[in-house]
């Protein structure tokens, strides 16, 4: 078993009231790898982005919805990254 630790910048596009902004999200993730597969339950993600600035720029944005959208974008990007690396995720 090998532990893999990686970092990635993911971009999330926000569209509200005919305004668009690209939000950079720093993602740190780690997982255990055995025989080319990610071990179930070992993938952990840490995200960092400037939510305060986003909420200031888009005052009508729902913070819970923003968190959900960002998390979905990060999950898709990590799944794609793992697939391109040749690792299968449980």
C-alpha atoms as a PDB file:
ATOM      1  CA  UNK A   1       0.000   0.000   0.000  1.00  0.00           C
ATOM      2  CA  UNK A   2       1.193   3.485  -0.905  1.00  0.00           C
ATOM      3  CA  UNK A   3      -0.124   6.808   0.386  1.00  0.00           C
ATOM      4  CA  UNK A   4      -0.412   9.465  -2.303  1.00  0.00           C
ATOM      5  CA  UNK A   5      -0.566  13.156  -1.398  1.00  0.00           C
ATOM      6  CA  UNK A   6      -1.249  15.681  -4.133  1.00  0.00           C
ATOM      7  CA  UNK A   7      -2.342  19.270  -4.695  1.00  0.00           C
ATOM      8  CA  UNK A   8      -4.343  20.725  -7.519  1.00  0.00           C
ATOM      9  CA  UNK A   9      -5.983  24.030  -8.456  1.00  0.00           C
ATOM     10  CA  UNK A  10      -9.534  23.603  -9.683  1.00  0.00           C
ATOM     11  CA  UNK A  11     -11.518  26.354 -11.394  1.00  0.00           C
ATOM     12  CA  UNK A  12     -15.215  26.879 -10.647  1.00  0.00           C
ATOM     13  CA  UNK A  13     -17.332  29.178 -12.810  1.00  0.00           C
ATOM     14  CA  UNK A  14     -19.971  31.275 -11.051  1.00  0.00           C
ATOM     15  CA  UNK A  15     -22.777  32.837 -13.074  1.00  0.00           C
ATOM     16  CA  UNK A  16     -25.253  35.162 -11.370  1.00  0.00           C
ATOM     17  CA  UNK A  17     -27.314  38.082 -12.686  1.00  0.00           C
ATOM     18  CA  UNK A  18     -25.470  38.228 -16.011  1.00  0.00           C
ATOM     19  CA  UNK A  19     -22.111  38.310 -14.229  1.00  0.00           C
ATOM     20  CA  UNK A  20     -19.495  35.593 -14.392  1.00  0.00           C
ATOM     21  CA  UNK A  21     -16.464  34.941 -12.259  1.00  0.00           C
ATOM     22  CA  UNK A  22     -13.886  32.184 -12.228  1.00  0.00           C
ATOM     23  CA  UNK A  23     -13.137  30.978  -8.727  1.00  0.00           C
ATOM     24  CA  UNK A  24      -9.779  29.258  -8.162  1.00  0.00           C
ATOM     25  CA  UNK A  25      -9.956  26.517  -5.534  1.00  0.00           C
ATOM     26  CA  UNK A  26      -6.855  24.993  -3.994  1.00  0.00           C
ATOM     27  CA  UNK A  27      -7.393  21.320  -3.308  1.00  0.00           C
ATOM     28  CA  UNK A  28      -5.135  19.096  -1.223  1.00  0.00           C
ATOM     29  CA  UNK A  29      -5.999  15.435  -1.331  1.00  0.00           C
ATOM     30  CA  UNK A  30      -4.537  12.177  -0.173  1.00  0.00           C
ATOM     31  CA  UNK A  31      -5.465   8.544  -0.529  1.00  0.00           C
ATOM     32  CA  UNK A  32      -4.127   5.044  -0.110  1.00  0.00           C
ATOM     33  CA  UNK A  33      -3.329   3.176  -3.297  1.00  0.00           C
ATOM     34  CA  UNK A  34      -3.107  -0.580  -3.637  1.00  0.00           C
ATOM     35  CA  UNK A  35      -2.724  -2.428  -6.949  1.00  0.00           C
ATOM     36  CA  UNK A  36      -3.771   0.624  -8.967  1.00  0.00           C
ATOM     37  CA  UNK A  37      -6.966   1.239  -7.032  1.00  0.00           C
ATOM     38  CA  UNK A  38      -7.825   3.808  -4.406  1.00  0.00           C
ATOM     39  CA  UNK A  39      -8.674   2.052  -1.165  1.00  0.00           C
ATOM     40  CA  UNK A  40     -12.244   2.648  -0.071  1.00  0.00           C
ATOM     41  CA  UNK A  41     -12.604   5.313   2.610  1.00  0.00           C
ATOM     42  CA  UNK A  42      -9.067   6.691   2.342  1.00  0.00           C
ATOM     43  CA  UNK A  43      -9.646   9.675   0.035  1.00  0.00           C
ATOM     44  CA  UNK A  44      -9.617  12.952   1.966  1.00  0.00           C
ATOM     45  CA  UNK A  45     -10.030  16.399   0.420  1.00  0.00           C
ATOM     46  CA  UNK A  46      -9.216  19.835   1.787  1.00  0.00           C
ATOM     47  CA  UNK A  47     -10.412  22.856  -0.177  1.00  0.00           C
ATOM     48  CA  UNK A  48      -9.415  26.478   0.131  1.00  0.00           C
ATOM     49  CA  UNK A  49     -10.980  29.433  -1.655  1.00  0.00           C
ATOM     50  CA  UNK A  50     -11.945  33.006  -0.839  1.00  0.00           C
ATOM     51  CA  UNK A  51     -15.614  32.632   0.044  1.00  0.00           C
ATOM     52  CA  UNK A  52     -15.705  36.100   1.618  1.00  0.00           C
ATOM     53  CA  UNK A  53     -14.740  37.765  -1.660  1.00  0.00           C
ATOM     54  CA  UNK A  54     -17.272  35.724  -3.612  1.00  0.00           C
ATOM     55  CA  UNK A  55     -20.073  36.636  -1.193  1.00  0.00           C
ATOM     56  CA  UNK A  56     -19.050  40.297  -1.343  1.00  0.00           C
ATOM     57  CA  UNK A  57     -19.026  40.276  -5.170  1.00  0.00           C
ATOM     58  CA  UNK A  58     -22.300  38.317  -5.379  1.00  0.00           C
ATOM     59  CA  UNK A  59     -24.299  39.530  -2.342  1.00  0.00           C
ATOM     60  CA  UNK A  60     -27.395  37.517  -3.304  1.00  0.00           C
ATOM     61  CA  UNK A  61     -25.527  34.184  -3.427  1.00  0.00           C
ATOM     62  CA  UNK A  62     -26.636  31.429  -1.070  1.00  0.00           C
ATOM     63  CA  UNK A  63     -23.548  30.292   0.854  1.00  0.00           C
ATOM     64  CA  UNK A  64     -24.838  26.748   1.288  1.00  0.00           C
ATOM     65  CA  UNK A  65     -25.542  26.437  -2.443  1.00  0.00           C
ATOM     66  CA  UNK A  66     -22.061  27.849  -3.176  1.00  0.00           C
ATOM     67  CA  UNK A  67     -20.463  25.234  -0.900  1.00  0.00           C
ATOM     68  CA  UNK A  68     -22.426  22.459  -2.637  1.00  0.00           C
ATOM     69  CA  UNK A  69     -21.489  23.729  -6.107  1.00  0.00           C
ATOM     70  CA  UNK A  70     -17.810  24.027  -5.184  1.00  0.00           C
ATOM     71  CA  UNK A  71     -17.794  20.548  -3.638  1.00  0.00           C
ATOM     72  CA  UNK A  72     -19.403  19.057  -6.773  1.00  0.00           C
ATOM     73  CA  UNK A  73     -16.817  20.782  -8.995  1.00  0.00           C
ATOM     74  CA  UNK A  74     -13.956  19.532  -6.818  1.00  0.00           C
ATOM     75  CA  UNK A  75     -15.315  15.958  -6.785  1.00  0.00           C
ATOM     76  CA  UNK A  76     -15.617  15.930 -10.604  1.00  0.00           C
ATOM     77  CA  UNK A  77     -12.093  17.313 -11.012  1.00  0.00           C
ATOM     78  CA  UNK A  78     -10.598  14.764  -8.602  1.00  0.00           C
ATOM     79  CA  UNK A  79     -12.455  11.884 -10.275  1.00  0.00           C
ATOM     80  CA  UNK A  80     -11.129  13.065 -13.649  1.00  0.00           C
ATOM     81  CA  UNK A  81      -7.609  13.455 -12.250  1.00  0.00           C
ATOM     82  CA  UNK A  82      -7.660   9.935 -10.794  1.00  0.00           C
ATOM     83  CA  UNK A  83      -9.020   8.463 -14.030  1.00  0.00           C
ATOM     84  CA  UNK A  84      -6.347  10.210 -16.120  1.00  0.00           C
ATOM     85  CA  UNK A  85      -3.712   8.926 -13.689  1.00  0.00           C
ATOM     86  CA  UNK A  86      -4.951   5.386 -14.242  1.00  0.00           C
ATOM     87  CA  UNK A  87      -6.383   4.890 -10.765  1.00  0.00           C
ATOM     88  CA  UNK A  88      -9.862   3.558 -10.192  1.00  0.00           C
ATOM     89  CA  UNK A  89     -11.970   5.014  -7.412  1.00  0.00           C
ATOM     90  CA  UNK A  90     -14.365   2.833  -5.418  1.00  0.00           C
END
